[in-house]
Amino acid sequence: MTPDSAELPGSFYRAAGQGRYESTAATAGPWSPKAQHAGPPSALLGRALERHGAREGFRIARITLEIPRPVPVGDLQVEVRAIRSGGRAELLEGELTSGGRPVLLARAWRIAASPRETPPLRPEAAPPPLPGPQPPPVMAGAHLGGYVSAMEWRFPPGGGFDTPGPGTVWARQRIPLVDGEPDTPLTRALTLADSNWAVAFELDHVGRLVINTDVTLALHRDPVGSWLHLTAATAASPDGSGLASGRLDDAAGDCGRILQTLLVADR
């Protein structure tokens, strides 16, 4: 069982000053209570990137996160810088470290927002309606007391983490990213984005080692509201690798895409 709201930490992180953050137990991923799900640290790094030299009329349109090693549930240091800053586009870079070692790297394009008269090209069908409240989800062999519990999940009938993909789900945070601070459209999207391949489980991730090495989130518009919808599927090939691809929607429809490279190996 997963804990109720009263038993959850008040946030995923607590700011400790000078770019340092204390991770709470809510960041723990499904594979170990000592290692974070990549969603919260991705959002923490994304938060720092969008704040760095923020410019009116600019938005982060794409961010790619590399995961060189598991992110421990502990103190994290955040550093960001601009690689290239121009009149219409900026390339930003960020790093999360733990004990002096890099645990998450990011590059993001912050670009000028498109003109108001740009046509809203949205060829995708609208997402299904938000289902009603559901019991806490289950996931075979998983630690459910951290990130999985800190998010609210609503699957379609017959769906769930243990149902082979492709899959869909509505989800939202039950706690804020940083204690005492409002979340942003970008951080909400990043907190969820790494769950894309879990919604798309089609490879045997219990009998084999299946892990993602990266997350790319591309947003053609900023998502609106706390509820976000994932539509995800996995491709894989012998002598190759896996690729989880997903579409991100809010209540108004399509707003972005997610890609994750999957390492597939024998245990």
Protein backbone atom coordinates (compact mmCIF):
# COMPACT_ATOMS: atom_id res chain seq x y z
CA MET A 1 0.00 0.00 0.00
CA THR A 2 1.03 3.61 -0.49
CA PRO A 3 0.83 6.23 2.24
CA ASP A 4 -1.97 8.80 2.32
CA SER A 5 -1.38 12.54 1.90
CA ALA A 6 -0.86 13.07 5.63
CA GLU A 7 2.14 10.70 5.59
CA LEU A 8 3.86 12.28 2.58
CA PRO A 9 6.66 14.84 2.98
CA GLY A 10 5.51 18.37 2.26
CA SER A 11 7.58 18.60 -0.95
CA PHE A 12 10.12 16.76 -3.06
CA TYR A 13 12.91 19.16 -2.02
CA ARG A 14 13.78 21.77 0.59
CA ALA A 15 16.02 24.67 -0.42
CA ALA A 16 19.19 24.90 1.72
CA GLY A 17 20.75 28.01 0.13
CA GLN A 18 23.51 28.65 -2.40
CA GLY A 19 22.13 26.19 -4.95
CA ARG A 20 21.87 23.30 -2.49
CA TYR A 21 18.72 21.24 -1.94
CA GLU A 22 17.74 18.55 0.55
CA SER A 23 15.90 15.63 -1.05
CA THR A 24 12.92 14.19 0.83
CA ALA A 25 11.79 10.57 0.84
CA ALA A 26 9.15 11.50 -1.76
CA THR A 27 11.88 11.59 -4.46
CA ALA A 28 12.68 7.86 -4.06
CA GLY A 29 12.07 5.88 -7.23
CA PRO A 30 10.40 2.50 -7.68
CA TRP A 31 13.64 0.48 -7.78
CA SER A 32 15.23 1.58 -4.49
CA PRO A 33 14.33 3.87 -1.57
CA LYS A 34 17.93 5.18 -1.80
CA ALA A 35 17.79 6.29 -5.46
CA GLN A 36 15.56 9.00 -6.86
CA HIS A 37 13.07 8.68 -9.65
CA ALA A 38 14.49 10.89 -12.38
CA GLY A 39 11.34 13.02 -12.54
CA PRO A 40 11.89 15.27 -9.48
CA PRO A 41 15.62 15.96 -10.12
CA SER A 42 14.85 16.65 -13.78
CA ALA A 43 12.30 19.22 -12.66
CA LEU A 44 14.73 20.69 -10.10
CA LEU A 45 17.33 21.21 -12.82
CA GLY A 46 14.70 22.53 -15.22
CA ARG A 47 13.58 25.01 -12.56
CA ALA A 48 17.13 26.35 -12.28
CA LEU A 49 17.51 26.58 -16.05
CA GLU A 50 14.32 28.55 -16.59
CA ARG A 51 15.27 30.95 -13.76
CA HIS A 52 18.81 31.54 -15.05
CA GLY A 53 18.84 34.90 -16.82
CA ALA A 54 15.08 34.66 -17.47
CA ARG A 55 13.92 36.93 -20.30
CA GLU A 56 10.45 38.27 -20.98
CA GLY A 57 8.87 36.61 -24.02
CA PHE A 58 11.23 33.59 -23.97
CA ARG A 59 10.39 30.00 -23.03
CA ILE A 60 12.21 26.69 -22.73
CA ALA A 61 11.07 24.67 -25.73
CA ARG A 62 13.30 21.61 -25.41
CA ILE A 63 15.36 20.06 -22.64
CA THR A 64 17.45 16.88 -22.76
CA LEU A 65 18.63 15.28 -19.53
CA GLU A 66 21.44 12.74 -19.33
CA ILE A 67 21.53 10.33 -16.36
CA PRO A 68 25.15 9.14 -15.91
CA ARG A 69 24.39 7.42 -12.58
CA PRO A 70 21.51 7.00 -10.13
CA VAL A 71 20.57 10.19 -8.28
CA PRO A 72 20.83 9.44 -4.53
CA VAL A 73 18.19 10.55 -2.05
CA GLY A 74 20.36 13.16 -0.34
CA ASP A 75 21.77 16.66 -0.71
CA LEU A 76 22.08 17.96 -4.27
CA GLN A 77 23.97 20.93 -5.69
CA VAL A 78 22.60 22.75 -8.74
CA GLU A 79 24.71 24.75 -11.21
CA VAL A 80 23.64 26.30 -14.53
CA ARG A 81 25.21 28.50 -17.21
CA ALA A 82 24.49 29.89 -20.66
CA ILE A 83 26.52 28.33 -23.49
CA ARG A 84 25.18 30.66 -26.16
CA SER A 85 22.88 33.66 -25.75
CA GLY A 86 21.45 35.37 -28.81
CA GLY A 87 18.66 37.71 -29.71
CA ARG A 88 16.12 34.94 -30.33
CA ALA A 89 17.57 31.75 -28.85
CA GLU A 90 19.73 30.64 -25.94
CA LEU A 91 21.43 27.33 -25.27
CA LEU A 92 21.62 26.61 -21.53
CA GLU A 93 23.48 23.90 -19.64
CA GLY A 94 22.94 22.59 -16.12
CA GLU A 95 24.33 20.00 -13.74
CA LEU A 96 23.21 18.29 -10.55
CA THR A 97 25.95 16.93 -8.33
CA SER A 98 25.94 14.79 -5.21
CA GLY A 99 29.10 14.58 -3.14
CA GLY A 100 30.94 16.37 -5.93
CA ARG A 101 29.94 13.81 -8.58
CA PRO A 102 27.63 14.68 -11.49
CA VAL A 103 24.38 12.72 -11.32
CA LEU A 104 22.23 14.61 -13.85
CA LEU A 105 23.22 16.78 -16.83
CA ALA A 106 20.98 18.94 -18.99
CA ARG A 107 20.98 21.10 -22.08
CA ALA A 108 18.00 23.25 -22.98
CA TRP A 109 16.97 25.64 -25.72
CA ARG A 110 15.22 28.76 -24.53
CA ILE A 111 13.72 30.55 -27.52
CA ALA A 112 11.52 33.54 -28.28
CA ALA A 113 7.83 32.70 -28.09
CA SER A 114 6.06 32.47 -31.45
CA PRO A 115 3.84 35.35 -32.62
CA ARG A 116 0.23 35.46 -31.46
CA GLU A 117 -1.04 34.92 -35.02
CA THR A 118 0.83 31.58 -35.37
CA PRO A 119 -1.81 28.95 -36.30
CA PRO A 120 -2.39 26.31 -33.60
CA LEU A 121 -1.44 23.16 -35.53
CA ARG A 122 -2.73 20.25 -33.44
CA PRO A 123 -3.40 17.19 -35.60
CA GLU A 124 -3.66 14.79 -32.64
CA ALA A 125 -6.99 13.68 -31.18
CA ALA A 126 -7.89 15.10 -27.78
CA PRO A 127 -6.95 12.99 -24.73
CA PRO A 128 -9.66 10.90 -23.05
CA PRO A 129 -11.60 12.49 -20.18
CA LEU A 130 -10.01 12.45 -16.73
CA PRO A 131 -11.25 9.32 -14.88
CA GLY A 132 -12.56 9.56 -11.35
CA PRO A 133 -10.44 8.88 -8.24
CA GLN A 134 -8.72 5.47 -8.13
CA PRO A 135 -6.95 3.33 -5.51
CA PRO A 136 -3.15 3.70 -5.29
CA PRO A 137 -1.42 1.92 -8.18
CA VAL A 138 0.70 -1.21 -7.89
CA MET A 139 3.93 -2.09 -9.67
CA ALA A 140 5.57 -5.52 -9.43
CA GLY A 141 8.74 -5.50 -7.33
CA ALA A 142 8.62 -1.73 -6.83
CA HIS A 143 9.17 0.60 -3.89
CA LEU A 144 5.86 2.45 -3.72
CA GLY A 145 6.51 4.75 -0.78
CA GLY A 146 8.30 7.57 -2.62
CA TYR A 147 7.62 9.14 -6.01
CA VAL A 148 4.87 6.67 -6.95
CA SER A 149 2.89 7.76 -3.88
CA ALA A 150 3.73 11.45 -4.26
CA MET A 151 1.93 11.47 -7.63
CA GLU A 152 -1.76 10.82 -8.23
CA TRP A 153 -2.37 8.40 -11.10
CA ARG A 154 -5.58 7.72 -13.01
CA PHE A 155 -5.42 4.95 -15.61
CA PRO A 156 -8.13 3.95 -18.11
CA PRO A 157 -10.15 0.81 -17.26
CA GLY A 158 -7.82 -2.20 -17.28
CA GLY A 159 -4.72 -0.03 -17.34
CA GLY A 160 -1.88 0.25 -14.85
CA PHE A 161 1.88 -0.04 -14.46
CA ASP A 162 1.64 -3.85 -14.57
CA THR A 163 -0.47 -3.85 -17.73
CA PRO A 164 1.72 -4.26 -20.84
CA GLY A 165 1.86 -1.09 -22.94
CA PRO A 166 1.35 0.92 -25.01
CA GLY A 167 -0.34 2.82 -22.23
CA THR A 168 -2.01 6.03 -21.17
CA VAL A 169 -2.44 7.77 -17.83
CA TRP A 170 -3.52 11.05 -16.28
CA ALA A 171 -1.24 12.18 -13.45
CA ARG A 172 -0.51 15.13 -11.18
CA GLN A 173 1.74 15.97 -8.26
CA ARG A 174 0.34 15.64 -4.77
CA ILE A 175 3.12 17.82 -3.33
CA PRO A 176 5.15 20.77 -4.70
CA LEU A 177 8.63 20.40 -6.15
CA VAL A 178 10.31 22.79 -3.69
CA ASP A 179 8.90 23.55 -0.27
CA GLY A 180 7.04 26.85 -0.14
CA GLU A 181 7.32 27.59 -3.88
CA PRO A 182 4.77 27.34 -6.70
CA ASP A 183 5.43 24.88 -9.51
CA THR A 184 5.66 26.01 -13.14
CA PRO A 185 4.34 24.40 -16.33
CA LEU A 186 7.88 23.25 -17.17
CA THR A 187 8.60 21.71 -13.77
CA ARG A 188 5.24 19.91 -13.70
CA ALA A 189 5.96 18.43 -17.14
CA LEU A 190 9.48 17.37 -16.15
CA THR A 191 8.33 15.81 -12.87
CA LEU A 192 6.15 13.48 -14.93
CA ALA A 193 8.22 13.02 -18.11
CA ASP A 194 10.53 10.26 -16.84
CA SER A 195 7.44 8.11 -16.10
CA ASN A 196 6.83 7.88 -19.84
CA TRP A 197 8.52 4.50 -20.32
CA ALA A 198 6.86 3.05 -17.20
CA VAL A 199 3.49 3.82 -18.77
CA ALA A 200 4.79 2.19 -21.95
CA PHE A 201 6.17 -0.99 -20.28
CA GLU A 202 6.39 -3.53 -23.11
CA LEU A 203 9.77 -5.10 -22.32
CA ASP A 204 10.33 -7.46 -19.39
CA HIS A 205 11.81 -5.00 -16.89
CA VAL A 206 11.66 -7.57 -14.05
CA GLY A 207 13.50 -10.50 -15.66
CA ARG A 208 15.87 -8.24 -17.59
CA LEU A 209 17.64 -4.97 -16.91
CA VAL A 210 15.73 -2.19 -18.67
CA ILE A 211 16.66 1.37 -17.73
CA ASN A 212 16.56 4.72 -19.48
CA THR A 213 19.78 6.66 -19.93
CA ASP A 214 18.16 9.99 -20.81
CA VAL A 215 14.96 12.00 -21.10
CA THR A 216 14.09 14.54 -23.79
CA LEU A 217 11.06 16.76 -23.35
CA ALA A 218 10.01 19.05 -26.21
CA LEU A 219 7.09 21.41 -25.63
CA HIS A 220 5.48 23.31 -28.50
CA ARG A 221 3.41 25.16 -25.87
CA ASP A 222 3.44 25.36 -22.10
CA PRO A 223 1.03 22.87 -20.48
CA VAL A 224 -1.84 24.33 -18.47
CA GLY A 225 -3.17 23.02 -15.16
CA SER A 226 -1.96 20.40 -12.71
CA TRP A 227 -3.30 17.31 -14.51
CA LEU A 228 -1.19 16.01 -17.42
CA HIS A 229 -1.82 13.06 -19.73
CA LEU A 230 0.78 10.65 -21.14
CA THR A 231 0.30 8.43 -24.20
CA ALA A 232 3.38 6.20 -24.43
CA ALA A 233 4.76 3.28 -26.45
CA THR A 234 8.06 1.39 -26.70
CA ALA A 235 10.07 0.28 -29.73
CA ALA A 236 12.96 -2.22 -29.48
CA SER A 237 15.20 -4.24 -31.78
CA PRO A 238 17.56 -7.24 -31.43
CA ASP A 239 21.19 -6.07 -31.24
CA GLY A 240 19.88 -2.54 -30.72
CA SER A 241 18.20 -0.78 -27.84
CA GLY A 242 14.80 0.38 -26.69
CA LEU A 243 13.10 3.69 -27.40
CA ALA A 244 10.13 4.93 -25.40
CA SER A 245 8.20 7.71 -27.09
CA GLY A 246 5.29 9.60 -25.65
CA ARG A 247 2.89 12.44 -26.20
CA LEU A 248 2.09 14.94 -23.46
CA ASP A 249 -1.35 16.52 -23.22
CA ASP A 250 -3.19 18.75 -20.82
CA ALA A 251 -6.97 19.16 -20.67
CA ALA A 252 -6.83 21.34 -23.81
CA GLY A 253 -4.88 18.77 -25.84
CA ASP A 254 -1.44 18.08 -27.29
CA CYS A 255 1.44 20.16 -25.92
CA GLY A 256 4.64 18.14 -26.39
CA ARG A 257 6.66 14.97 -26.90
CA ILE A 258 8.94 12.78 -24.76
CA LEU A 259 11.77 10.46 -25.87
CA GLN A 260 13.85 8.05 -23.75
CA THR A 261 16.67 5.75 -24.81
CA LEU A 262 16.41 2.35 -23.08
CA LEU A 263 19.32 0.12 -22.20
CA VAL A 264 18.15 -3.52 -22.49
CA ALA A 265 20.44 -6.20 -21.03
CA ASP A 266 20.44 -9.56 -19.29
CA ARG A 267 20.71 -9.37 -15.52
